[in-house]
């Protein structure tokens, strides 16, 4: 038989191949959705102002939407700022948290899983900011807009914790007195 790959090697290859591409895709998609969303929102407000004066959104609402689109476009900086608020250094590279010298192949698998978790965290942050932006849509009631904001906040916080998982694991170890 030819050279066969074991499960750990497959997991490591998957993590290294997917992590950079999927994270880059999330940031690029965030920029695209921000530009399309801002242009669409401003075009709609312009159309509403011309069609029936007084029906366009208030200035504060327009500024809020532009800021949310800016946050979506600067998702990487938004995640970095959120991590720094917790005292954590944010990185989007592969994770090497578990010592390979101590734990061998198990450490390689754990590091690959943490790298995939970081990638999923970036997508959680993206969906959280998109929920914030969705809360500003016309036709939302106060209840549904509030639900979007709270769900988006929870997703964003969980995403930041996934992106900063090595620091979160260190904090859990310290709080449990294991280190």
N, C-alpha and C. Protein backbone atom coordinates (compact mmCIF):
# COMPACT_ATOMS: atom_id res chain seq x y z
N UNK A 1 0.83 -1.18 0.00
CA UNK A 1 0.00 0.00 0.00
C UNK A 1 0.87 1.24 0.00
N UNK A 2 0.34 2.33 -0.53
CA UNK A 2 1.07 3.59 -0.55
C UNK A 2 1.06 4.22 0.83
N UNK A 3 1.56 5.40 0.88
CA UNK A 3 1.61 6.09 2.17
C UNK A 3 0.19 6.51 2.55
N UNK A 4 -0.24 6.08 3.72
CA UNK A 4 -1.57 6.43 4.20
C UNK A 4 -1.45 7.48 5.30
N UNK A 5 -2.43 8.32 5.38
CA UNK A 5 -2.43 9.36 6.39
C UNK A 5 -3.27 8.92 7.57
N UNK A 6 -2.80 9.20 8.76
CA UNK A 6 -3.60 8.89 9.94
C UNK A 6 -4.51 10.08 10.25
N UNK A 7 -5.35 9.90 11.23
CA UNK A 7 -6.34 10.91 11.57
C UNK A 7 -5.74 12.23 12.03
N UNK A 8 -4.67 12.16 12.80
CA UNK A 8 -4.04 13.38 13.31
C UNK A 8 -3.43 14.18 12.17
N UNK A 9 -2.79 13.51 11.23
CA UNK A 9 -2.21 14.21 10.09
C UNK A 9 -3.30 14.85 9.25
N UNK A 10 -4.41 14.15 9.07
CA UNK A 10 -5.53 14.73 8.33
C UNK A 10 -6.08 15.96 9.03
N UNK A 11 -6.21 15.89 10.36
CA UNK A 11 -6.71 17.01 11.13
C UNK A 11 -5.77 18.22 11.04
N UNK A 12 -4.48 17.98 11.14
CA UNK A 12 -3.50 19.06 11.05
C UNK A 12 -3.52 19.69 9.66
N UNK A 13 -3.58 18.86 8.62
CA UNK A 13 -3.65 19.39 7.25
C UNK A 13 -4.93 20.19 7.03
N UNK A 14 -6.03 19.70 7.57
CA UNK A 14 -7.30 20.41 7.46
C UNK A 14 -7.22 21.76 8.16
N UNK A 15 -6.69 21.76 9.37
CA UNK A 15 -6.60 23.00 10.14
C UNK A 15 -5.68 24.01 9.46
N UNK A 16 -4.53 23.55 8.98
CA UNK A 16 -3.59 24.50 8.37
C UNK A 16 -4.10 25.00 7.03
N UNK A 17 -4.82 24.17 6.30
CA UNK A 17 -5.35 24.61 5.01
C UNK A 17 -6.57 25.49 5.14
N UNK A 18 -7.43 25.18 6.07
CA UNK A 18 -8.67 25.93 6.22
C UNK A 18 -8.52 27.23 6.99
N UNK A 19 -7.66 27.24 7.99
CA UNK A 19 -7.60 28.37 8.91
C UNK A 19 -7.30 29.69 8.20
N UNK A 20 -6.26 29.74 7.43
CA UNK A 20 -5.91 30.98 6.74
C UNK A 20 -6.93 31.38 5.70
N UNK A 21 -7.40 30.40 4.93
CA UNK A 21 -8.35 30.70 3.87
C UNK A 21 -9.71 31.13 4.42
N UNK A 22 -10.21 30.42 5.41
CA UNK A 22 -11.53 30.74 5.95
C UNK A 22 -11.51 32.05 6.73
N UNK A 23 -10.42 32.33 7.44
CA UNK A 23 -10.32 33.59 8.16
C UNK A 23 -10.23 34.75 7.17
N UNK A 24 -9.43 34.60 6.14
CA UNK A 24 -9.34 35.63 5.10
C UNK A 24 -10.67 35.83 4.40
N UNK A 25 -11.39 34.75 4.15
CA UNK A 25 -12.71 34.84 3.52
C UNK A 25 -13.68 35.60 4.41
N UNK A 26 -13.64 35.34 5.71
CA UNK A 26 -14.54 36.04 6.64
C UNK A 26 -14.27 37.54 6.64
N UNK A 27 -12.99 37.92 6.65
CA UNK A 27 -12.66 39.35 6.65
C UNK A 27 -13.04 40.00 5.32
N UNK A 28 -12.78 39.31 4.22
CA UNK A 28 -13.14 39.85 2.90
C UNK A 28 -14.65 39.93 2.74
N UNK A 29 -15.36 38.92 3.20
CA UNK A 29 -16.82 38.94 3.15
C UNK A 29 -17.37 40.07 4.01
N UNK A 30 -16.75 40.32 5.16
CA UNK A 30 -17.17 41.43 6.01
C UNK A 30 -17.03 42.76 5.30
N UNK A 31 -15.91 42.95 4.60
CA UNK A 31 -15.70 44.19 3.85
C UNK A 31 -16.74 44.32 2.73
N UNK A 32 -16.96 43.23 2.01
CA UNK A 32 -17.94 43.25 0.91
C UNK A 32 -19.33 43.57 1.42
N UNK A 33 -19.76 42.89 2.49
CA UNK A 33 -21.10 43.12 3.03
C UNK A 33 -21.23 44.53 3.60
N UNK A 34 -20.15 45.06 4.14
CA UNK A 34 -20.19 46.43 4.68
C UNK A 34 -20.39 47.44 3.56
N UNK A 35 -19.65 47.28 2.48
CA UNK A 35 -19.77 48.23 1.36
C UNK A 35 -21.15 48.12 0.72
N UNK A 36 -21.57 46.90 0.44
CA UNK A 36 -22.89 46.71 -0.18
C UNK A 36 -23.99 47.19 0.75
N UNK A 37 -23.87 46.90 2.03
CA UNK A 37 -24.89 47.33 2.99
C UNK A 37 -24.97 48.83 3.12
N UNK A 38 -23.82 49.50 3.20
CA UNK A 38 -23.81 50.96 3.33
C UNK A 38 -24.36 51.63 2.07
N UNK A 39 -23.92 51.15 0.92
CA UNK A 39 -24.40 51.73 -0.34
C UNK A 39 -25.90 51.49 -0.49
N UNK A 40 -26.36 50.29 -0.22
CA UNK A 40 -27.79 49.99 -0.32
C UNK A 40 -28.61 50.80 0.66
N UNK A 41 -28.13 50.95 1.89
CA UNK A 41 -28.87 51.71 2.89
C UNK A 41 -28.95 53.18 2.49
N UNK A 42 -27.82 53.75 2.08
CA UNK A 42 -27.81 55.17 1.70
C UNK A 42 -28.65 55.41 0.44
N UNK A 43 -28.61 54.48 -0.51
CA UNK A 43 -29.43 54.62 -1.71
C UNK A 43 -30.91 54.57 -1.36
N UNK A 44 -31.29 53.67 -0.47
CA UNK A 44 -32.69 53.57 -0.06
C UNK A 44 -33.14 54.84 0.67
N UNK A 45 -32.27 55.37 1.54
CA UNK A 45 -32.63 56.59 2.26
C UNK A 45 -32.76 57.77 1.30
N UNK A 46 -31.90 57.82 0.31
CA UNK A 46 -31.99 58.88 -0.70
C UNK A 46 -33.29 58.76 -1.49
N UNK A 47 -33.63 57.54 -1.86
CA UNK A 47 -34.86 57.30 -2.62
C UNK A 47 -36.09 57.67 -1.77
N UNK A 48 -36.07 57.29 -0.48
CA UNK A 48 -37.20 57.62 0.39
C UNK A 48 -37.34 59.13 0.59
N UNK A 49 -36.21 59.83 0.68
CA UNK A 49 -36.25 61.28 0.88
C UNK A 49 -36.84 61.99 -0.34
N UNK A 50 -36.55 61.46 -1.52
CA UNK A 50 -37.09 62.08 -2.74
C UNK A 50 -38.54 61.69 -2.98
N UNK A 51 -38.88 60.45 -2.68
CA UNK A 51 -40.23 59.95 -2.96
C UNK A 51 -41.26 60.57 -2.02
N UNK A 52 -40.98 60.50 -0.76
CA UNK A 52 -41.92 61.06 0.22
C UNK A 52 -41.12 61.72 1.33
N UNK A 53 -40.96 63.02 1.26
CA UNK A 53 -40.18 63.73 2.28
C UNK A 53 -40.70 63.46 3.69
N UNK A 54 -39.78 63.33 4.60
CA UNK A 54 -40.15 63.04 5.98
C UNK A 54 -40.15 61.57 6.31
N UNK A 55 -40.00 60.70 5.31
CA UNK A 55 -40.02 59.26 5.55
C UNK A 55 -38.62 58.65 5.70
N UNK A 56 -37.60 59.44 5.39
CA UNK A 56 -36.23 58.92 5.50
C UNK A 56 -35.85 58.81 6.97
N UNK A 57 -34.85 58.04 7.23
CA UNK A 57 -34.38 57.81 8.60
C UNK A 57 -33.74 59.07 9.15
N UNK A 58 -33.68 59.16 10.46
CA UNK A 58 -33.06 60.30 11.11
C UNK A 58 -31.54 60.27 10.89
N UNK A 59 -30.91 61.39 11.14
CA UNK A 59 -29.46 61.47 10.96
C UNK A 59 -28.72 60.51 11.87
N UNK A 60 -29.21 60.36 13.09
CA UNK A 60 -28.57 59.43 14.03
C UNK A 60 -28.66 57.99 13.56
N UNK A 61 -29.76 57.64 12.96
CA UNK A 61 -29.94 56.29 12.45
C UNK A 61 -28.99 56.03 11.27
N UNK A 62 -28.81 57.04 10.43
CA UNK A 62 -27.88 56.90 9.30
C UNK A 62 -26.46 56.75 9.81
N UNK A 63 -26.08 57.57 10.79
CA UNK A 63 -24.74 57.48 11.36
C UNK A 63 -24.53 56.11 12.01
N UNK A 64 -25.54 55.62 12.73
CA UNK A 64 -25.43 54.31 13.37
C UNK A 64 -25.21 53.20 12.34
N UNK A 65 -25.94 53.27 11.25
CA UNK A 65 -25.79 52.25 10.21
C UNK A 65 -24.41 52.32 9.56
N UNK A 66 -23.91 53.53 9.32
CA UNK A 66 -22.59 53.68 8.72
C UNK A 66 -21.52 53.17 9.69
N UNK A 67 -21.67 53.43 10.98
CA UNK A 67 -20.71 52.92 11.96
C UNK A 67 -20.74 51.40 12.06
N UNK A 68 -21.94 50.82 11.98
CA UNK A 68 -22.04 49.36 12.01
C UNK A 68 -21.41 48.75 10.77
N UNK A 69 -21.61 49.37 9.62
CA UNK A 69 -20.96 48.88 8.40
C UNK A 69 -19.45 49.05 8.50
N UNK A 70 -19.01 50.14 9.12
CA UNK A 70 -17.57 50.32 9.34
C UNK A 70 -17.00 49.26 10.26
N UNK A 71 -17.77 48.89 11.28
CA UNK A 71 -17.34 47.80 12.17
C UNK A 71 -17.26 46.47 11.45
N UNK A 72 -18.17 46.27 10.53
CA UNK A 72 -18.16 45.04 9.73
C UNK A 72 -16.96 45.02 8.80
N UNK A 73 -16.64 46.19 8.21
CA UNK A 73 -15.49 46.27 7.32
C UNK A 73 -14.18 46.11 8.10
N UNK A 74 -14.14 46.61 9.32
CA UNK A 74 -12.94 46.51 10.15
C UNK A 74 -13.07 45.41 11.18
N UNK A 75 -13.60 44.27 10.78
CA UNK A 75 -13.85 43.17 11.71
C UNK A 75 -12.57 42.73 12.43
N UNK A 76 -11.48 42.67 11.71
CA UNK A 76 -10.22 42.25 12.32
C UNK A 76 -9.84 43.21 13.45
N UNK A 77 -9.96 44.50 13.23
CA UNK A 77 -9.63 45.48 14.25
C UNK A 77 -10.63 45.45 15.40
N UNK A 78 -11.89 45.15 15.09
CA UNK A 78 -12.92 45.05 16.12
C UNK A 78 -12.64 43.88 17.06
N UNK A 79 -12.26 42.75 16.49
CA UNK A 79 -11.92 41.58 17.30
C UNK A 79 -10.68 41.88 18.13
N UNK A 80 -9.69 42.53 17.52
CA UNK A 80 -8.46 42.88 18.23
C UNK A 80 -8.76 43.81 19.40
N UNK A 81 -9.60 44.79 19.19
CA UNK A 81 -9.95 45.73 20.26
C UNK A 81 -10.70 45.02 21.39
N UNK A 82 -11.59 44.11 21.05
CA UNK A 82 -12.33 43.37 22.07
C UNK A 82 -11.40 42.47 22.87
N UNK A 83 -10.44 41.84 22.20
CA UNK A 83 -9.47 41.02 22.91
C UNK A 83 -8.59 41.84 23.84
N UNK A 84 -8.19 43.01 23.38
CA UNK A 84 -7.35 43.88 24.21
C UNK A 84 -8.10 44.40 25.43
N UNK A 85 -9.41 44.54 25.33
CA UNK A 85 -10.21 44.95 26.48
C UNK A 85 -10.14 43.89 27.58
N UNK A 86 -9.93 42.66 27.20
CA UNK A 86 -9.79 41.57 28.17
C UNK A 86 -8.34 41.34 28.56
N UNK A 87 -7.43 42.10 27.96
CA UNK A 87 -6.01 41.94 28.26
C UNK A 87 -5.35 40.84 27.45
N UNK A 88 -5.96 40.44 26.36
CA UNK A 88 -5.44 39.35 25.55
C UNK A 88 -4.89 39.88 24.24
N UNK A 89 -3.83 39.26 23.76
CA UNK A 89 -3.24 39.61 22.47
C UNK A 89 -3.90 38.75 21.40
N UNK A 90 -4.51 39.38 20.42
CA UNK A 90 -5.25 38.65 19.40
C UNK A 90 -4.33 38.33 18.22
N UNK A 91 -4.40 37.09 17.77
CA UNK A 91 -3.66 36.66 16.59
C UNK A 91 -4.58 35.76 15.78
N UNK A 92 -4.36 35.74 14.48
CA UNK A 92 -5.19 34.90 13.62
C UNK A 92 -4.36 33.79 12.97
N UNK A 93 -3.20 33.52 13.54
CA UNK A 93 -2.32 32.47 13.04
C UNK A 93 -2.69 31.13 13.67
N UNK A 94 -1.98 30.09 13.25
CA UNK A 94 -2.19 28.76 13.85
C UNK A 94 -1.77 28.80 15.31
N UNK A 95 -2.43 28.01 16.12
CA UNK A 95 -2.17 27.98 17.56
C UNK A 95 -1.21 26.85 17.89
N UNK A 96 -0.24 27.14 18.73
CA UNK A 96 0.64 26.11 19.28
C UNK A 96 0.65 26.27 20.79
N UNK A 97 -0.47 25.93 21.40
CA UNK A 97 -0.67 26.11 22.84
C UNK A 97 -0.14 24.93 23.64
N UNK A 98 -0.44 23.72 23.19
CA UNK A 98 -0.05 22.51 23.91
C UNK A 98 1.36 22.13 23.48
N UNK A 99 2.19 21.78 24.46
CA UNK A 99 3.59 21.45 24.20
C UNK A 99 3.71 20.09 23.50
N UNK A 100 4.32 20.13 22.31
CA UNK A 100 4.50 18.90 21.54
C UNK A 100 5.54 18.01 22.21
N UNK A 101 6.54 18.62 22.83
CA UNK A 101 7.58 17.84 23.51
C UNK A 101 7.04 17.03 24.67
N UNK A 102 6.03 17.55 25.35
CA UNK A 102 5.45 16.86 26.50
C UNK A 102 4.38 15.86 26.10
N UNK A 103 3.50 16.26 25.17
CA UNK A 103 2.33 15.45 24.87
C UNK A 103 2.37 14.78 23.50
N UNK A 104 3.37 15.02 22.70
CA UNK A 104 3.54 14.33 21.42
C UNK A 104 2.43 14.61 20.43
N UNK A 105 1.94 13.55 19.80
CA UNK A 105 0.92 13.67 18.76
C UNK A 105 -0.41 14.20 19.29
N UNK A 106 -0.68 13.95 20.56
CA UNK A 106 -1.90 14.50 21.16
C UNK A 106 -1.87 16.02 21.17
N UNK A 107 -0.69 16.58 21.39
CA UNK A 107 -0.54 18.03 21.37
C UNK A 107 -0.76 18.58 19.97
N UNK A 108 -0.27 17.87 18.97
CA UNK A 108 -0.47 18.30 17.58
C UNK A 108 -1.95 18.34 17.26
N UNK A 109 -2.68 17.31 17.69
CA UNK A 109 -4.13 17.26 17.44
C UNK A 109 -4.85 18.36 18.21
N UNK A 110 -4.47 18.58 19.46
CA UNK A 110 -5.11 19.63 20.27
C UNK A 110 -4.86 21.01 19.68
N UNK A 111 -3.64 21.25 19.22
CA UNK A 111 -3.33 22.54 18.60
C UNK A 111 -4.11 22.74 17.31
N UNK A 112 -4.29 21.67 16.54
CA UNK A 112 -5.08 21.76 15.31
C UNK A 112 -6.55 22.07 15.63
N UNK A 113 -7.09 21.44 16.68
CA UNK A 113 -8.47 21.72 17.07
C UNK A 113 -8.62 23.15 17.57
N UNK A 114 -7.64 23.65 18.32
CA UNK A 114 -7.69 25.04 18.77
C UNK A 114 -7.60 26.01 17.60
N UNK A 115 -6.83 25.65 16.58
CA UNK A 115 -6.73 26.48 15.39
C UNK A 115 -8.07 26.52 14.66
N UNK A 116 -8.73 25.38 14.55
CA UNK A 116 -10.07 25.35 13.94
C UNK A 116 -11.08 26.13 14.78
N UNK A 117 -10.93 26.06 16.10
CA UNK A 117 -11.81 26.81 16.98
C UNK A 117 -11.61 28.31 16.78
N UNK A 118 -10.37 28.73 16.56
CA UNK A 118 -10.09 30.15 16.29
C UNK A 118 -10.79 30.59 15.00
N UNK A 119 -10.74 29.73 13.98
CA UNK A 119 -11.38 30.05 12.72
C UNK A 119 -12.90 30.18 12.89
N UNK A 120 -13.50 29.28 13.63
CA UNK A 120 -14.94 29.33 13.89
C UNK A 120 -15.27 30.58 14.70
N UNK A 121 -14.38 30.99 15.58
CA UNK A 121 -14.59 32.20 16.37
C UNK A 121 -14.67 33.44 15.51
N UNK A 122 -13.85 33.52 14.47
CA UNK A 122 -13.91 34.66 13.55
C UNK A 122 -15.27 34.70 12.87
N UNK A 123 -15.79 33.54 12.48
CA UNK A 123 -17.11 33.50 11.84
C UNK A 123 -18.21 33.86 12.83
N UNK A 124 -18.07 33.47 14.10
CA UNK A 124 -19.04 33.87 15.12
C UNK A 124 -19.05 35.39 15.26
N UNK A 125 -17.87 36.00 15.27
CA UNK A 125 -17.78 37.46 15.36
C UNK A 125 -18.44 38.12 14.15
N UNK A 126 -18.21 37.57 12.98
CA UNK A 126 -18.82 38.11 11.76
C UNK A 126 -20.34 38.05 11.85
N UNK A 127 -20.89 36.93 12.27
CA UNK A 127 -22.36 36.83 12.36
C UNK A 127 -22.90 37.71 13.47
N UNK A 128 -22.13 37.91 14.53
CA UNK A 128 -22.57 38.81 15.59
C UNK A 128 -22.69 40.24 15.10
N UNK A 129 -21.69 40.72 14.38
CA UNK A 129 -21.75 42.09 13.85
C UNK A 129 -22.86 42.20 12.80
N UNK A 130 -23.06 41.16 12.02
CA UNK A 130 -24.15 41.20 11.03
C UNK A 130 -25.51 41.27 11.72
N UNK A 131 -25.66 40.63 12.88
CA UNK A 131 -26.91 40.75 13.63
C UNK A 131 -27.08 42.17 14.17
N UNK A 132 -26.00 42.80 14.60
CA UNK A 132 -26.09 44.19 15.03
C UNK A 132 -26.59 45.06 13.89
N UNK A 133 -26.03 44.82 12.70
CA UNK A 133 -26.42 45.61 11.53
C UNK A 133 -27.88 45.34 11.17
N UNK A 134 -28.30 44.08 11.28
CA UNK A 134 -29.67 43.72 10.94
C UNK A 134 -30.68 44.39 11.88
N UNK A 135 -30.25 44.68 13.10
CA UNK A 135 -31.17 45.31 14.06
C UNK A 135 -31.59 46.70 13.62
N UNK A 136 -30.84 47.32 12.71
CA UNK A 136 -31.14 48.66 12.24
C UNK A 136 -32.07 48.67 11.03
N UNK A 137 -32.49 47.50 10.56
CA UNK A 137 -33.35 47.45 9.38
C UNK A 137 -34.71 48.07 9.66
N UNK A 138 -35.28 48.62 8.61
CA UNK A 138 -36.63 49.17 8.72
C UNK A 138 -37.62 48.03 8.95
N UNK A 139 -38.64 48.31 9.73
CA UNK A 139 -39.68 47.32 9.96
C UNK A 139 -39.46 46.47 11.19
N UNK A 140 -38.28 46.55 11.78
CA UNK A 140 -38.06 45.80 13.02
C UNK A 140 -38.81 46.47 14.16
N UNK A 141 -39.44 45.67 14.97
CA UNK A 141 -40.03 46.21 16.19
C UNK A 141 -38.92 46.36 17.22
N UNK A 142 -39.21 47.05 18.27
CA UNK A 142 -38.21 47.21 19.33
C UNK A 142 -37.78 45.87 19.91
N UNK A 143 -38.72 44.94 20.00
CA UNK A 143 -38.42 43.64 20.56
C UNK A 143 -37.49 42.83 19.66
N UNK A 144 -37.78 42.80 18.36
CA UNK A 144 -36.94 42.01 17.47
C UNK A 144 -35.57 42.67 17.28
N UNK A 145 -35.52 44.01 17.27
CA UNK A 145 -34.22 44.69 17.17
C UNK A 145 -33.40 44.45 18.42
N UNK A 146 -34.03 44.49 19.57
CA UNK A 146 -33.32 44.20 20.82
C UNK A 146 -32.83 42.77 20.87
N UNK A 147 -33.63 41.84 20.32
CA UNK A 147 -33.21 40.45 20.26
C UNK A 147 -32.00 40.28 19.35
N UNK A 148 -31.98 40.99 18.22
CA UNK A 148 -30.83 40.94 17.32
C UNK A 148 -29.58 41.49 18.00
N UNK A 149 -29.73 42.58 18.73
CA UNK A 149 -28.57 43.19 19.40
C UNK A 149 -28.03 42.25 20.47
N UNK A 150 -28.91 41.69 21.28
CA UNK A 150 -28.43 40.80 22.35
C UNK A 150 -27.85 39.51 21.78
N UNK A 151 -28.48 38.94 20.77
CA UNK A 151 -27.92 37.73 20.15
C UNK A 151 -26.59 38.02 19.47
N UNK A 152 -26.50 39.16 18.82
CA UNK A 152 -25.25 39.55 18.17
C UNK A 152 -24.14 39.77 19.18
N UNK A 153 -24.47 40.36 20.31
CA UNK A 153 -23.47 40.59 21.35
C UNK A 153 -22.96 39.27 21.92
N UNK A 154 -23.88 38.34 22.18
CA UNK A 154 -23.47 37.03 22.70
C UNK A 154 -22.59 36.31 21.69
N UNK A 155 -22.97 36.33 20.41
CA UNK A 155 -22.17 35.67 19.39
C UNK A 155 -20.79 36.31 19.27
N UNK A 156 -20.75 37.65 19.33
CA UNK A 156 -19.47 38.34 19.20
C UNK A 156 -18.56 38.01 20.38
N UNK A 157 -19.09 38.01 21.59
CA UNK A 157 -18.27 37.70 22.78
C UNK A 157 -17.77 36.27 22.73
N UNK A 158 -18.63 35.33 22.36
CA UNK A 158 -18.21 33.93 22.24
C UNK A 158 -17.15 33.80 21.16
N UNK A 159 -17.33 34.52 20.04
CA UNK A 159 -16.34 34.49 18.97
C UNK A 159 -14.99 35.02 19.41
N UNK A 160 -14.98 36.11 20.17
CA UNK A 160 -13.70 36.64 20.68
C UNK A 160 -13.05 35.64 21.62
N UNK A 161 -13.84 34.98 22.45
CA UNK A 161 -13.28 33.97 23.35
C UNK A 161 -12.72 32.78 22.57
N UNK A 162 -13.35 32.42 21.46
CA UNK A 162 -12.82 31.34 20.62
C UNK A 162 -11.52 31.76 19.95
N UNK A 163 -11.47 33.01 19.46
CA UNK A 163 -10.27 33.50 18.81
C UNK A 163 -9.11 33.56 19.81
N UNK A 164 -9.41 33.93 21.03
CA UNK A 164 -8.39 34.06 22.07
C UNK A 164 -8.38 32.84 23.00
N UNK A 165 -8.69 31.67 22.48
CA UNK A 165 -8.83 30.48 23.31
C UNK A 165 -7.60 30.13 24.15
N UNK A 166 -6.35 30.33 23.68
CA UNK A 166 -5.22 30.04 24.58
C UNK A 166 -5.23 30.90 25.84
N UNK A 167 -5.58 32.17 25.70
CA UNK A 167 -5.64 33.05 26.87
C UNK A 167 -6.81 32.67 27.77
N UNK A 168 -7.91 32.27 27.17
CA UNK A 168 -9.06 31.82 27.94
C UNK A 168 -8.72 30.56 28.73
N UNK A 169 -8.01 29.63 28.09
CA UNK A 169 -7.60 28.41 28.79
C UNK A 169 -6.65 28.72 29.94
N UNK A 170 -5.73 29.67 29.73
CA UNK A 170 -4.84 30.08 30.82
C UNK A 170 -5.62 30.70 31.97
N UNK A 171 -6.61 31.53 31.66
CA UNK A 171 -7.41 32.16 32.69
C UNK A 171 -8.22 31.13 33.47
N UNK A 172 -8.74 30.12 32.77
CA UNK A 172 -9.50 29.06 33.46
C UNK A 172 -8.57 28.27 34.37
N UNK A 173 -7.36 27.95 33.88
CA UNK A 173 -6.39 27.24 34.71
C UNK A 173 -6.06 28.02 35.97
N UNK A 174 -5.83 29.32 35.83
CA UNK A 174 -5.50 30.15 36.98
C UNK A 174 -6.65 30.24 37.96
N UNK A 175 -7.86 30.37 37.45
CA UNK A 175 -9.02 30.48 38.35
C UNK A 175 -9.30 29.18 39.08
N UNK A 176 -8.94 28.07 38.47
CA UNK A 176 -9.11 26.78 39.14
C UNK A 176 -7.91 26.40 40.00
N UNK A 177 -6.86 27.22 39.95
CA UNK A 177 -5.66 26.96 40.73
C UNK A 177 -4.82 25.82 40.20
N UNK A 178 -4.88 25.56 38.90
CA UNK A 178 -4.15 24.44 38.32
C UNK A 178 -2.77 24.86 37.84
N UNK A 179 -2.48 26.15 37.78
CA UNK A 179 -1.15 26.54 37.30
C UNK A 179 -0.31 27.17 38.37
